[in-house]
Structures are given as C-alpha cells and as structure tokens.
Amino acid sequence: MAPPPPPASPSAEELPAMMLDRRELFSRALAAGLGASLPAEALAAGLAAAAQPQWALALGDVAADIAPRGLTRLHGRLPADLVGTLYRNGPALFRRGDTAVNHWFDGDGLVRAFACHDGGVQLQARFVDTPKRRIETAAGRIVQPGFATPARPGAQVGSADDTNAANTHVIAAGGRLLALWEAGSATAMDMATLATIGPVAFRPDLKGMPFLAHPKVEASGRIWNIGLSGKHAYVYRLSAGGALEAGQMIKLPAASYCHDFTMAARHLIIVLQPWLHEKASLPFSTGMVWRPEQGTRVLVIDKDDLTRQRLFELPALFFFHLGDGWEEADGTIHFDGAFDSSPLFAVEGAPALVEGRYPRSERPMLRLVSLHPDGRARLRDAGITAEFPRNPGGHDGPRPTFHVGGYQPGRPFARSIGRWDWQAGRGQAHDFGAHQIVEEFVPAGPWLIGTTINLKARATELHMMRADRLTDGPVASFRADVALPHSFHGSWLAA
C-alpha cells in the first residue's frame, strides 16, 4: 500500500480555536444531558450485602484515604534487589447517598503506594483531589457526568477536567506522580505523601488538553503520549524529567475511541477501531457508535517527522490495551494486544459490574498484529484469553508479553498471571485460584510485582514473582488489612 498524502496539521493559530471548540462541546452536551430523561437512581444504594456476589468486593467503596500501615508477610522474603514503590491507580468510590455512577470507569481515582524496603511492605492510599471529587463531596451525591454516567442536577461542567476522575494510571516523571485519565489533564501528586498538587499544563496554551492514560517510555526515559479530540490528536514528546520537548497536532482518519496506543523504536502506532465518536454528548459513551463495516485502521507515524505516515487496514476489532511494538530490519512492525470483536463489555458489561451483575460477555484474546512494508497487515492468535499486556525491556526486538488471564465462567476478572512468547509460540502461567482476583502485574527488573484481591480473606495482597519462572508462583506474598477495589494500572519506581 502506497503511503497516503500526509494530512495537514492544525497551525499554532488553529490550536486555541480547537480548545474553544472543546469547551463549547462540553457546555452544549451538559445542557442536552440535563434536559434529557435521566435513568432511575435505584443503583445508588446498591444491592443488599447478602445479595452481592463475592466478586463484588472488587467494586466496593473506600470511604476515606488509607493511612500508612504495614502489610503482613504471608510467605517468602522480599527480594533484596526489589527496593522501591509500586504505585497503582483505579476507581474506588462508586456510590454517594442514594446515587451511583453508571459505569466501572467513572469511580473516583484512588492512588495506592506499596513501599518495599527493609524486608517489608508499607501501604498508603489517597484519593486524587479533583474538581469532580470536590463537587460531589459537597453535594453528597454523584452529579458529574463521566464515561457513561449522566449529568445530574447540581453538575458543574466547564471543561473536561471538571469530569476528570483521574482513575486510570499513575506514572512518575520529574519528581512527581501523574495520575492519568484519558479525556483530561494529568494530575500531579506528591510522590511521598500522595497529596494532590493539581492539573498539569505542559504549556500554557495546552491547559485542559487531554493527555492519554497510557504514555509510552523509551529506554532513555523520553515519554511519548497523545491527546485526542475528535479527528485530531495532539502528540506530546516529553523529556525523562516530564518537561515538554515538542508537541504537534495531527489529523486522524477517524474519530475513534482510543484508550491506548503503542510505539516501536522509530514509530508511533495509533489503532483506530470502528467505535466512533459521532456526536457531542455527555456522558461520552452515548456519542459512540460501533461501525464494524468500516474495519480497523492502523496509523503508523514516524517519530522524527510526524507528517510521514502510513495507514494499514485490519478487520473490525475492539480493544482497550496494546503491548509494546518492535521493528524488524526490513521495516516490518509487530505489536500485540487484547482484542474483542465488539465493545460489548464497555457498553453493557462494565456498567453491570457496578450493580453487582455480570452478564455473559466476550473475553479478550491475545493477538499479534504485523504490519509489512508492502502494506499488508496480518493477525496471529495466541489462542489464549488475556488482558493488560506488558512487554518490558524496550522496543528493539521481540519481548515476552506478560498478561492476566484464566477467566472463569460466571465471574468477571482474571485469576492468573501469564507470560506469552510469540517466537516460541507458547506460554506459562500461575493460577492464583478461584478465590483470587488478579490485577495487572508490572515489571521490576527480573521481577514481576502486582496485587490481587483475596475474596476469602477479604483483603488486598501484594505478590512478587520471577518474571522468567511464573509457574513457580510468588517468591513472597504480603497481605493488607483492607480490601481495595480493583485497580487498573500502575508503575514500579526503584529506590
């Protein structure tokens, strides 16, 4: 496939107008949302505790910040070279008074810090102090719109950051933490105390510009990210210290929902699935339409010149998360991801979880995408269910993919951690058991470190594993005296 002509990028003069368009979008969508018929608020109080399935502990409410406390060692010893802090982020407050959010993705973000040192682990957790959280705390109700939660009387929306739950990911950059949410600003937090510092504007004219929740980091520490606004993406290039080195707006072939993107050594890769934003509305999901007949498009962008682009085509796919990419000498690019055939879980499954229901839903499958220099795009199936793929070690060649999996009938969430080798065509896994909910594990040198929710003990646990020997199980496990809700993503920061 010959490269298409590069689309024109908005000029510096056009950027303020685009930001104004976003503010107008929010104002109009809010007015439309408040004028519409709102769903009954029966969700709010939740089901009686006795009626809740055991797995609903993963969507329980945390009433307040978690003061520092030590974890109890269950077995093993903390590896001597595993000294640092695992930071994790995820929604942890879904209900206020007689109201509730309508979707798992709309709960208030709670950043957790598991500090590993002197043979032990200490936990603390704090909510991100966002405008959304302050407005709803004062109201005593869920009023702000979100991904799938409608605006309710008392909502105050002037920009995306007034709906920012800051609940998806947390990274360290420039001596501070950044709590991330895909449709608004990054929120800075103190690394030691987890106190909220406030929204981050990487440049004055970028105030309020979205900063996706899945930035990509080169071996040098340089950070790449995008911020989406309809058929435009702002490409950020940050230094290892978190300062803006360069930024440029590019046009996209479609206004696709993108929770994640990926990159290889020389290219950025934006996968444009056919879940398209076709109207300005709040909540955001009501403006999305599934168009499988349009297929999936993959936009490959040269890091050194963002106007040098290629477009590849795949069948209709839906995804939340992609693994890192790598390139071959002939220019072939590979990356994997956890792919569904439709957005059924996003539209029906995740909202039901807040109610304590789990409708039958498709499981994401691990698949490898290969983009060839002649324009061909191919898919290869691993034959396993998987989510939260991670590929530690860089972008200069194939790396094993770490993922969660082991899904069981009748229950959401994973129960195992796995490793897949695309070159060998095989993998290994450790099953934590039916009483455990397994969250994303992250690389920490030769180790993987991650959390589970022990449903029997009703407690969050922290586990360390050899990245190359998952079948051996954890080398050490620690248990908190509290069960924290299922988190989404996190980062390891070595001391």
Protein backbone atom coordinates (compact mmCIF):
# COMPACT_ATOMS: atom_id res chain seq x y z
CA MET A 1 0.00 0.00 0.00
CA ALA A 2 1.44 3.35 -1.01
CA PRO A 3 1.62 5.91 1.78
CA PRO A 4 -1.35 8.28 1.66
CA PRO A 5 -0.64 12.01 1.39
CA PRO A 6 0.06 13.31 4.90
CA PRO A 7 -2.94 15.17 6.34
CA ALA A 8 -2.40 18.80 7.12
CA SER A 9 -1.76 19.56 10.76
CA PRO A 10 -3.53 22.42 12.54
CA SER A 11 -1.39 25.50 12.83
CA ALA A 12 -0.48 27.25 16.06
CA GLU A 13 -3.22 29.75 15.27
CA GLU A 14 -5.80 26.95 14.99
CA LEU A 15 -4.96 25.35 18.34
CA PRO A 16 -6.77 27.91 20.56
CA ALA A 17 -9.86 27.60 18.36
CA MET A 18 -9.79 23.83 18.77
CA MET A 19 -9.61 24.23 22.53
CA LEU A 20 -12.59 26.61 22.37
CA ASP A 21 -14.50 24.01 20.38
CA ARG A 22 -13.92 21.52 23.20
CA ARG A 23 -15.29 23.96 25.78
CA GLU A 24 -18.37 24.60 23.65
CA LEU A 25 -18.83 20.86 23.22
CA PHE A 26 -18.94 20.38 26.98
CA SER A 27 -21.36 23.26 27.51
CA ARG A 28 -23.76 22.00 24.86
CA ALA A 29 -23.50 18.38 25.91
CA LEU A 30 -24.17 19.29 29.54
CA ALA A 31 -27.26 21.25 28.60
CA ALA A 32 -28.53 18.37 26.49
CA GLY A 33 -27.79 15.84 29.21
CA LEU A 34 -29.61 17.72 31.95
CA GLY A 35 -32.60 18.22 29.72
CA ALA A 36 -32.87 14.54 28.93
CA SER A 37 -34.69 11.91 30.91
CA LEU A 38 -32.23 10.54 33.47
CA PRO A 39 -32.18 6.89 34.49
CA ALA A 40 -33.68 5.91 37.80
CA GLU A 41 -31.27 6.28 40.69
CA ALA A 42 -32.06 2.92 42.17
CA LEU A 43 -28.45 1.86 41.60
CA ALA A 44 -27.29 4.28 44.20
CA ALA A 45 -27.82 2.40 47.40
CA GLY A 46 -26.56 -0.77 45.74
CA LEU A 47 -27.83 -4.24 46.38
CA ALA A 48 -28.11 -5.56 49.90
CA ALA A 49 -24.81 -7.02 51.04
CA ALA A 50 -26.28 -10.50 51.26
CA ALA A 51 -27.33 -10.32 47.60
CA GLN A 52 -23.92 -9.27 46.34
CA PRO A 53 -21.77 -11.90 44.64
CA GLN A 54 -18.41 -12.48 46.26
CA TRP A 55 -16.53 -10.79 43.40
CA ALA A 56 -18.40 -7.50 44.04
CA LEU A 57 -15.71 -6.78 46.65
CA ALA A 58 -13.68 -5.59 43.64
CA LEU A 59 -16.10 -2.67 43.22
CA GLY A 60 -16.61 -1.80 46.86
CA ASP A 61 -16.44 1.78 48.08
CA VAL A 62 -13.48 3.15 50.02
CA ALA A 63 -14.81 5.73 52.47
CA ALA A 64 -11.59 7.69 53.03
CA ASP A 65 -7.85 7.80 52.41
CA ILE A 66 -5.85 4.86 53.74
CA ALA A 67 -3.29 5.92 56.33
CA PRO A 68 0.16 4.27 56.13
CA ARG A 69 0.22 0.77 57.57
CA GLY A 70 2.40 -2.29 57.28
CA LEU A 71 1.40 -5.43 55.40
CA THR A 72 1.57 -8.87 56.95
CA ARG A 73 4.06 -11.26 55.36
CA LEU A 74 2.33 -14.47 54.30
CA HIS A 75 5.35 -16.37 53.00
CA GLY A 76 8.77 -15.93 51.45
CA ARG A 77 11.12 -12.98 51.71
CA LEU A 78 11.16 -9.66 49.91
CA PRO A 79 13.93 -9.97 47.27
CA ALA A 80 16.96 -7.96 48.32
CA ASP A 81 17.12 -6.12 44.98
CA LEU A 82 13.40 -5.27 44.96
CA VAL A 83 13.52 -1.95 46.79
CA GLY A 84 11.18 0.81 45.70
CA THR A 85 7.49 1.59 45.42
CA LEU A 86 4.68 0.13 43.37
CA TYR A 87 2.17 2.86 42.57
CA ARG A 88 -1.28 1.84 41.36
CA ASN A 89 -4.42 3.73 40.41
CA GLY A 90 -8.03 2.76 39.99
CA PRO A 91 -11.61 3.77 40.81
CA ALA A 92 -12.55 3.35 44.46
CA LEU A 93 -15.74 5.32 45.15
CA PHE A 94 -18.81 4.49 43.08
CA ARG A 95 -21.73 5.49 45.33
CA ARG A 96 -22.75 8.60 47.29
CA GLY A 97 -26.00 8.88 49.19
CA ASP A 98 -28.77 7.45 47.02
CA THR A 99 -26.79 7.85 43.79
CA ALA A 100 -24.17 5.80 41.98
CA VAL A 101 -22.04 6.02 38.88
CA ASN A 102 -23.36 4.12 35.87
CA HIS A 103 -20.04 2.57 34.87
CA TRP A 104 -16.96 0.97 36.42
CA PHE A 105 -14.77 3.56 34.70
CA ASP A 106 -16.43 6.52 36.47
CA GLY A 107 -15.43 5.95 40.10
CA ASP A 108 -13.10 8.40 41.87
CA GLY A 109 -9.40 7.61 41.42
CA LEU A 110 -7.51 6.22 44.41
CA VAL A 111 -3.71 6.12 44.11
CA ARG A 112 -2.08 3.37 46.18
CA ALA A 113 1.59 3.17 47.12
CA PHE A 114 3.17 -0.14 48.18
CA ALA A 115 6.63 0.78 49.50
CA CYS A 116 9.03 -2.19 49.60
CA HIS A 117 12.08 -1.81 51.83
CA ASP A 118 13.87 -3.36 54.82
CA GLY A 119 12.24 -6.71 54.14
CA GLY A 120 8.69 -5.42 54.46
CA VAL A 121 5.92 -3.54 52.68
CA GLN A 122 4.01 -0.44 53.74
CA LEU A 123 0.76 0.65 52.12
CA GLN A 124 -0.86 4.06 51.90
CA ALA A 125 -3.59 5.31 49.55
CA ARG A 126 -5.15 8.68 48.80
CA PHE A 127 -7.94 9.84 46.54
CA VAL A 128 -6.93 12.26 43.80
CA ASP A 129 -8.40 15.62 44.84
CA THR A 130 -10.09 16.50 41.55
CA PRO A 131 -12.78 19.14 40.88
CA LYS A 132 -15.18 16.24 40.26
CA ARG A 133 -14.50 14.79 43.70
CA ARG A 134 -14.80 18.17 45.45
CA ILE A 135 -18.10 18.98 43.72
CA GLU A 136 -19.61 15.61 44.59
CA THR A 137 -18.30 15.62 48.15
CA ALA A 138 -20.01 18.96 48.72
CA ALA A 139 -23.22 17.72 47.10
CA GLY A 140 -23.21 14.35 48.87
CA ARG A 141 -24.29 12.83 45.56
CA ILE A 142 -22.93 11.66 42.22
CA VAL A 143 -23.71 14.60 39.93
CA GLN A 144 -20.84 14.95 37.44
CA PRO A 145 -21.02 13.24 34.04
CA GLY A 146 -18.34 10.78 33.02
CA PHE A 147 -17.63 7.99 30.58
CA ALA A 148 -21.17 6.59 30.92
CA THR A 149 -22.63 8.45 33.91
CA PRO A 150 -25.09 11.23 33.01
CA ALA A 151 -25.01 14.75 34.40
CA ARG A 152 -27.44 15.16 37.27
CA PRO A 153 -28.89 18.28 38.89
CA GLY A 154 -26.05 20.17 40.51
CA ALA A 155 -23.49 19.22 37.87
CA GLN A 156 -20.82 21.82 37.11
CA VAL A 157 -19.02 21.32 33.82
CA GLY A 158 -16.91 23.97 32.16
CA SER A 159 -14.23 21.69 30.75
CA ALA A 160 -13.18 18.05 30.58
CA ASP A 161 -11.24 18.45 33.82
CA ASP A 162 -14.48 19.03 35.73
CA THR A 163 -15.38 15.44 34.84
CA ASN A 164 -11.85 14.05 35.27
CA ALA A 165 -11.89 11.06 37.63
CA ALA A 166 -8.06 10.69 37.47
CA ASN A 167 -8.60 6.97 37.97
CA THR A 168 -6.76 5.04 35.26
CA HIS A 169 -2.96 5.06 35.57
CA VAL A 170 -0.15 6.63 37.57
CA ILE A 171 3.43 7.26 36.45
CA ALA A 172 6.42 9.07 37.93
CA ALA A 173 8.02 11.94 35.99
CA GLY A 174 10.03 14.95 37.07
CA GLY A 175 9.97 14.12 40.77
CA ARG A 176 6.20 13.89 40.95
CA LEU A 177 3.44 11.43 40.22
CA LEU A 178 0.98 11.94 37.38
CA ALA A 179 -2.48 10.46 37.90
CA LEU A 180 -3.96 9.90 34.45
CA TRP A 181 -7.38 9.73 32.79
CA GLU A 182 -7.80 9.53 29.04
CA ALA A 183 -10.01 12.58 28.36
CA GLY A 184 -8.43 15.30 30.51
CA SER A 185 -5.28 16.71 32.06
CA ALA A 186 -2.74 14.73 34.02
CA THR A 187 -3.00 15.48 37.75
CA ALA A 188 0.25 15.93 39.68
CA MET A 189 0.67 14.32 43.12
CA ASP A 190 3.43 14.27 45.72
CA MET A 191 5.42 11.05 45.48
CA ALA A 192 5.91 10.65 49.22
CA THR A 193 2.60 11.82 50.68
CA LEU A 194 0.29 11.26 47.67
CA ALA A 195 -1.11 14.75 48.25
CA THR A 196 -2.68 16.24 45.13
CA ILE A 197 -0.77 19.16 43.60
CA GLY A 198 -3.18 19.87 40.74
CA PRO A 199 -3.77 19.63 36.98
CA VAL A 200 -0.71 19.78 34.74
CA ALA A 201 -0.45 22.05 31.70
CA PHE A 202 2.69 21.13 29.77
CA ARG A 203 2.48 24.53 28.08
CA PRO A 204 0.10 27.43 28.85
CA ASP A 205 -1.87 27.03 25.62
CA LEU A 206 -2.27 23.29 26.32
CA LYS A 207 -4.26 23.81 29.52
CA GLY A 208 -7.07 21.26 29.58
CA MET A 209 -5.77 19.35 26.56
CA PRO A 210 -6.31 15.58 27.02
CA PHE A 211 -3.28 13.51 27.99
CA LEU A 212 -3.96 9.82 27.35
CA ALA A 213 -3.68 7.42 30.29
CA HIS A 214 -1.08 5.22 28.55
CA PRO A 215 2.08 7.22 27.79
CA LYS A 216 4.96 5.25 26.27
CA VAL A 217 8.51 5.45 27.58
CA GLU A 218 11.71 4.90 25.61
CA ALA A 219 14.80 3.28 27.13
CA SER A 220 16.25 6.79 27.50
CA GLY A 221 13.30 7.80 29.67
CA ARG A 222 11.77 10.03 26.98
CA ILE A 223 7.97 9.95 27.16
CA TRP A 224 5.55 9.96 24.22
CA ASN A 225 1.81 10.44 24.52
CA ILE A 226 -1.22 11.64 22.62
CA GLY A 227 -4.33 13.61 23.49
CA LEU A 228 -7.46 13.01 21.44
CA SER A 229 -10.08 15.49 20.29
CA GLY A 230 -12.36 14.07 17.61
CA LYS A 231 -10.41 13.60 14.39
CA HIS A 232 -7.31 15.25 15.85
CA ALA A 233 -4.55 14.02 18.11
CA TYR A 234 -2.00 16.17 19.88
CA VAL A 235 1.33 14.33 20.03
CA TYR A 236 3.40 15.04 23.16
CA ARG A 237 7.13 14.41 23.40
CA LEU A 238 8.37 14.84 26.96
CA SER A 239 11.84 14.59 28.44
CA ALA A 240 12.62 11.94 31.03
CA GLY A 241 12.02 14.70 33.58
CA GLY A 242 8.49 15.28 32.31
CA ALA A 243 9.08 18.60 30.50
CA LEU A 244 7.56 19.21 27.08
CA GLU A 245 10.24 18.89 24.38
CA ALA A 246 7.91 19.14 21.41
CA GLY A 247 4.25 18.89 20.53
CA GLN A 248 2.24 18.80 17.34
CA MET A 249 -1.39 18.38 16.35
CA ILE A 250 -2.12 15.82 13.64
CA LYS A 251 -5.29 14.86 11.83
CA LEU A 252 -6.70 11.34 12.14
CA PRO A 253 -8.66 9.34 9.56
CA ALA A 254 -11.47 8.75 12.09
CA ALA A 255 -12.74 9.98 15.45
CA SER A 256 -12.08 6.61 17.05
CA TYR A 257 -12.19 5.67 20.71
CA CYS A 258 -8.57 5.10 21.73
CA HIS A 259 -7.85 4.13 25.32
CA ASP A 260 -4.29 3.15 24.40
CA PHE A 261 -1.76 3.45 21.60
CA THR A 262 1.66 1.89 21.17
CA MET A 263 5.08 2.54 19.68
CA ALA A 264 8.12 0.83 18.26
CA ALA A 265 11.70 2.09 18.09
CA ARG A 266 11.08 4.59 15.28
CA HIS A 267 7.31 4.86 15.06
CA LEU A 268 4.15 5.75 16.94
CA ILE A 269 1.18 3.48 16.24
CA ILE A 270 -2.44 4.57 16.68
CA VAL A 271 -5.04 1.83 16.22
CA LEU A 272 -8.33 3.34 15.05
CA GLN A 273 -11.05 0.86 15.94
CA PRO A 274 -14.53 1.39 14.48
CA TRP A 275 -16.11 2.56 17.74
CA LEU A 276 -16.54 6.12 16.57
CA HIS A 277 -17.39 9.39 18.28
CA GLU A 278 -20.23 10.66 16.09
CA LYS A 279 -21.97 13.25 18.26
CA ALA A 280 -21.17 15.67 21.05
CA SER A 281 -22.90 14.36 24.15
CA LEU A 282 -22.44 13.62 27.81
CA PRO A 283 -21.89 11.03 29.03
CA PHE A 284 -19.17 10.38 26.48
CA SER A 285 -20.23 6.82 25.66
CA THR A 286 -23.62 7.96 24.35
CA GLY A 287 -21.88 9.68 21.46
CA MET A 288 -20.11 6.49 20.37
CA VAL A 289 -21.36 4.25 17.53
CA TRP A 290 -19.98 0.83 16.53
CA ARG A 291 -19.30 0.72 12.76
CA PRO A 292 -17.75 -2.72 12.09
CA GLU A 293 -18.24 -2.35 8.33
CA GLN A 294 -15.54 0.32 8.37
CA GLY A 295 -12.94 -2.07 9.73
CA THR A 296 -9.94 -1.10 11.85
CA ARG A 297 -7.27 1.28 10.59
CA VAL A 298 -3.73 1.44 11.94
CA LEU A 299 -1.90 4.75 11.58
CA VAL A 300 1.89 4.48 11.73
CA ILE A 301 3.75 7.77 12.32
CA ASP A 302 7.47 8.47 12.02
CA LYS A 303 8.73 9.84 15.35
CA ASP A 304 11.23 12.12 13.61
CA ASP A 305 8.68 13.62 11.22
CA LEU A 306 5.03 13.35 12.25
CA THR A 307 3.88 14.17 8.72
CA ARG A 308 5.39 10.89 7.46
CA GLN A 309 2.54 8.44 7.93
CA ARG A 310 1.25 5.11 6.64
CA LEU A 311 -2.22 3.65 7.00
CA PHE A 312 -2.92 -0.09 7.28
CA GLU A 313 -6.25 -1.93 7.38
CA LEU A 314 -7.49 -4.76 9.61
CA PRO A 315 -10.89 -6.35 10.23
CA ALA A 316 -13.15 -4.75 12.82
CA LEU A 317 -11.60 -5.18 16.28
CA PHE A 318 -12.21 -3.68 19.69
CA PHE A 319 -9.52 -3.21 22.32
CA PHE A 320 -8.57 -1.36 25.45
CA HIS A 321 -4.89 -2.30 25.75
CA LEU A 322 -1.92 -2.87 23.46
CA GLY A 323 1.53 -4.26 24.12
CA ASP A 324 4.74 -2.51 23.04
CA GLY A 325 5.84 -2.74 19.42
CA TRP A 326 9.09 -3.76 17.78
CA GLU A 327 10.52 -3.44 14.28
CA GLU A 328 12.46 -5.78 12.03
CA ALA A 329 15.33 -4.77 9.76
CA ASP A 330 13.06 -4.88 6.69
CA GLY A 331 10.65 -2.39 8.29
CA THR A 332 8.00 -4.86 9.47
CA ILE A 333 6.35 -3.68 12.68
CA HIS A 334 4.83 -6.04 15.25
CA PHE A 335 2.74 -5.38 18.35
CA ASP A 336 0.20 -7.36 20.31
CA GLY A 337 -2.97 -6.52 22.15
CA ALA A 338 -6.01 -7.87 23.96
CA PHE A 339 -8.74 -7.80 21.31
CA ASP A 340 -12.51 -8.34 21.35
CA SER A 341 -14.84 -8.47 18.36
CA SER A 342 -17.04 -5.62 19.65
CA PRO A 343 -17.34 -3.07 22.50
CA LEU A 344 -19.93 -5.22 24.30
CA PHE A 345 -18.06 -5.19 27.61
CA ALA A 346 -17.60 -1.41 27.54
CA VAL A 347 -21.26 -0.82 26.70
CA GLU A 348 -23.01 -3.50 28.78
CA GLY A 349 -20.55 -5.47 30.90
CA ALA A 350 -18.74 -2.74 32.82
CA PRO A 351 -21.94 -0.83 33.74
CA ALA A 352 -23.47 -4.04 35.12
CA LEU A 353 -20.50 -4.64 37.42
CA VAL A 354 -21.42 -1.58 39.50
CA GLU A 355 -24.82 -3.20 40.11
CA GLY A 356 -23.26 -6.49 41.17
CA ARG A 357 -24.25 -8.20 37.92
CA TYR A 358 -22.07 -9.97 35.40
CA PRO A 359 -23.81 -10.52 32.05
CA ARG A 360 -22.32 -13.10 29.75
CA SER A 361 -19.52 -11.33 27.92
CA GLU A 362 -16.81 -12.00 25.39
CA ARG A 363 -13.29 -12.46 26.75
CA PRO A 364 -10.42 -10.53 25.14
CA MET A 365 -7.96 -12.65 23.17
CA LEU A 366 -4.22 -12.07 22.83
CA ARG A 367 -3.37 -11.39 19.18
CA LEU A 368 -0.27 -10.22 17.32
CA VAL A 369 -0.52 -7.55 14.62
CA SER A 370 2.16 -7.50 11.92
CA LEU A 371 2.43 -4.53 9.55
CA HIS A 372 4.53 -5.29 6.47
CA PRO A 373 6.39 -2.81 4.23
CA ASP A 374 4.25 -3.81 1.22
CA GLY A 375 1.10 -2.62 3.01
CA ARG A 376 -0.16 -5.99 4.24
CA ALA A 377 -1.48 -6.21 7.80
CA ARG A 378 -1.83 -9.64 9.40
CA LEU A 379 -3.26 -11.01 12.64
CA ARG A 380 -1.97 -14.00 14.58
CA ASP A 381 -3.83 -15.55 17.51
CA ALA A 382 -2.11 -16.85 20.63
CA GLY A 383 -5.23 -18.87 21.43
CA ILE A 384 -5.47 -17.55 24.99
CA THR A 385 -7.66 -15.04 26.78
CA ALA A 386 -5.67 -12.12 28.16
CA GLU A 387 -5.78 -8.52 29.31
CA PHE A 388 -3.33 -5.83 30.47
CA PRO A 389 -0.43 -6.88 28.18
CA ARG A 390 3.01 -5.61 29.22
CA ASN A 391 6.30 -6.10 27.32
CA PRO A 392 9.24 -5.00 29.45
CA GLY A 393 12.70 -4.44 28.04
CA GLY A 394 12.44 -1.92 25.22
CA HIS A 395 11.35 -1.66 21.59
CA ASP A 396 14.36 -3.04 19.70
CA GLY A 397 13.13 -6.63 19.39
CA PRO A 398 10.50 -9.14 20.47
CA ARG A 399 9.89 -9.41 24.19
CA PRO A 400 7.67 -11.77 26.19
CA THR A 401 4.20 -10.45 26.88
CA PHE A 402 3.00 -10.53 30.48
CA HIS A 403 -0.75 -10.51 30.96
CA VAL A 404 -3.60 -11.50 33.24
CA GLY A 405 -5.94 -14.33 32.26
CA GLY A 406 -7.52 -17.54 33.50
CA TYR A 407 -11.05 -16.18 33.30
CA GLN A 408 -13.75 -18.49 34.62
CA PRO A 409 -17.43 -18.81 33.67
CA GLY A 410 -19.92 -16.73 35.61
CA ARG A 411 -17.38 -14.35 37.14
CA PRO A 412 -15.60 -11.26 35.87
CA PHE A 413 -11.91 -10.56 36.39
CA ALA A 414 -8.79 -12.67 35.98
CA ARG A 415 -7.37 -15.34 38.32
CA SER A 416 -3.93 -15.95 36.78
CA ILE A 417 -0.82 -14.13 35.61
CA GLY A 418 0.75 -15.34 32.37
CA ARG A 419 3.72 -14.90 30.06
CA TRP A 420 3.50 -15.46 26.29
CA ASP A 421 6.44 -15.92 23.93
CA TRP A 422 5.46 -15.12 20.33
CA GLN A 423 8.70 -16.52 18.90
CA ALA A 424 8.30 -19.87 20.64
CA GLY A 425 4.52 -19.93 20.30
CA ARG A 426 3.96 -20.97 23.89
CA GLY A 427 3.48 -19.52 27.34
CA GLN A 428 3.43 -20.18 31.05
CA ALA A 429 1.10 -19.07 33.82
CA HIS A 430 0.43 -19.16 37.53
CA ASP A 431 -3.16 -19.67 38.68
CA PHE A 432 -3.84 -17.92 41.99
CA GLY A 433 -7.11 -19.81 42.39
CA ALA A 434 -10.83 -19.14 42.20
CA HIS A 435 -10.76 -17.13 45.43
CA GLN A 436 -8.38 -14.52 43.99
CA ILE A 437 -8.94 -11.61 41.61
CA VAL A 438 -5.67 -10.88 39.82
CA GLU A 439 -4.84 -7.32 38.80
CA GLU A 440 -2.15 -6.11 36.39
CA PHE A 441 1.42 -7.08 37.32
CA VAL A 442 4.23 -4.72 36.33
CA PRO A 443 7.91 -5.41 35.56
CA ALA A 444 10.57 -4.53 38.12
CA GLY A 445 13.91 -5.70 36.74
CA PRO A 446 13.90 -9.52 36.80
CA TRP A 447 10.72 -9.48 38.88
CA LEU A 448 7.02 -9.01 38.38
CA ILE A 449 5.14 -7.30 41.17
CA GLY A 450 1.39 -6.97 41.45
CA THR A 451 -1.74 -7.10 43.53
CA THR A 452 -4.64 -9.47 43.98
CA ILE A 453 -7.89 -9.31 45.92
CA ASN A 454 -8.27 -12.36 48.15
CA LEU A 455 -12.03 -12.94 48.28
CA LYS A 456 -11.84 -15.40 51.18
CA ALA A 457 -9.69 -13.16 53.36
CA ARG A 458 -11.42 -10.02 52.04
CA ALA A 459 -8.04 -8.35 51.71
CA THR A 460 -5.67 -6.92 49.11
CA GLU A 461 -2.42 -8.85 48.68
CA LEU A 462 0.93 -7.97 47.10
CA HIS A 463 3.00 -10.65 45.32
CA MET A 464 6.50 -10.80 43.84
CA MET A 465 7.37 -13.33 41.14
CA ARG A 466 10.35 -14.28 38.99
CA ALA A 467 9.46 -12.93 35.54
CA ASP A 468 11.03 -15.97 33.85
CA ARG A 469 9.52 -18.59 36.19
CA LEU A 470 5.86 -17.78 36.71
CA THR A 471 4.92 -21.41 37.23
CA ASP A 472 6.90 -21.35 40.50
CA GLY A 473 4.37 -18.90 41.91
CA PRO A 474 5.18 -15.92 44.13
CA VAL A 475 8.55 -15.83 45.88
CA ALA A 476 6.93 -13.63 48.53
CA SER A 477 3.40 -12.50 49.38
CA PHE A 478 2.09 -9.85 51.75
CA ARG A 479 -1.45 -9.05 52.91
CA ALA A 480 -3.06 -5.73 53.81
CA ASP A 481 -5.72 -5.36 56.48
CA VAL A 482 -8.08 -3.82 53.94
CA ALA A 483 -9.61 -4.84 50.61
CA LEU A 484 -9.08 -2.15 48.00
CA PRO A 485 -11.19 -2.18 44.82
CA HIS A 486 -9.79 -3.50 41.55
CA SER A 487 -7.19 -1.05 40.24
CA PHE A 488 -6.37 -0.51 36.57
CA HIS A 489 -2.71 0.36 36.01
CA GLY A 490 0.49 1.20 37.81
CA SER A 491 4.24 1.69 37.73
CA TRP A 492 7.25 0.48 39.67
CA LEU A 493 9.75 3.10 40.82
CA ALA A 494 13.02 1.67 42.08
CA ALA A 495 14.57 3.40 45.08
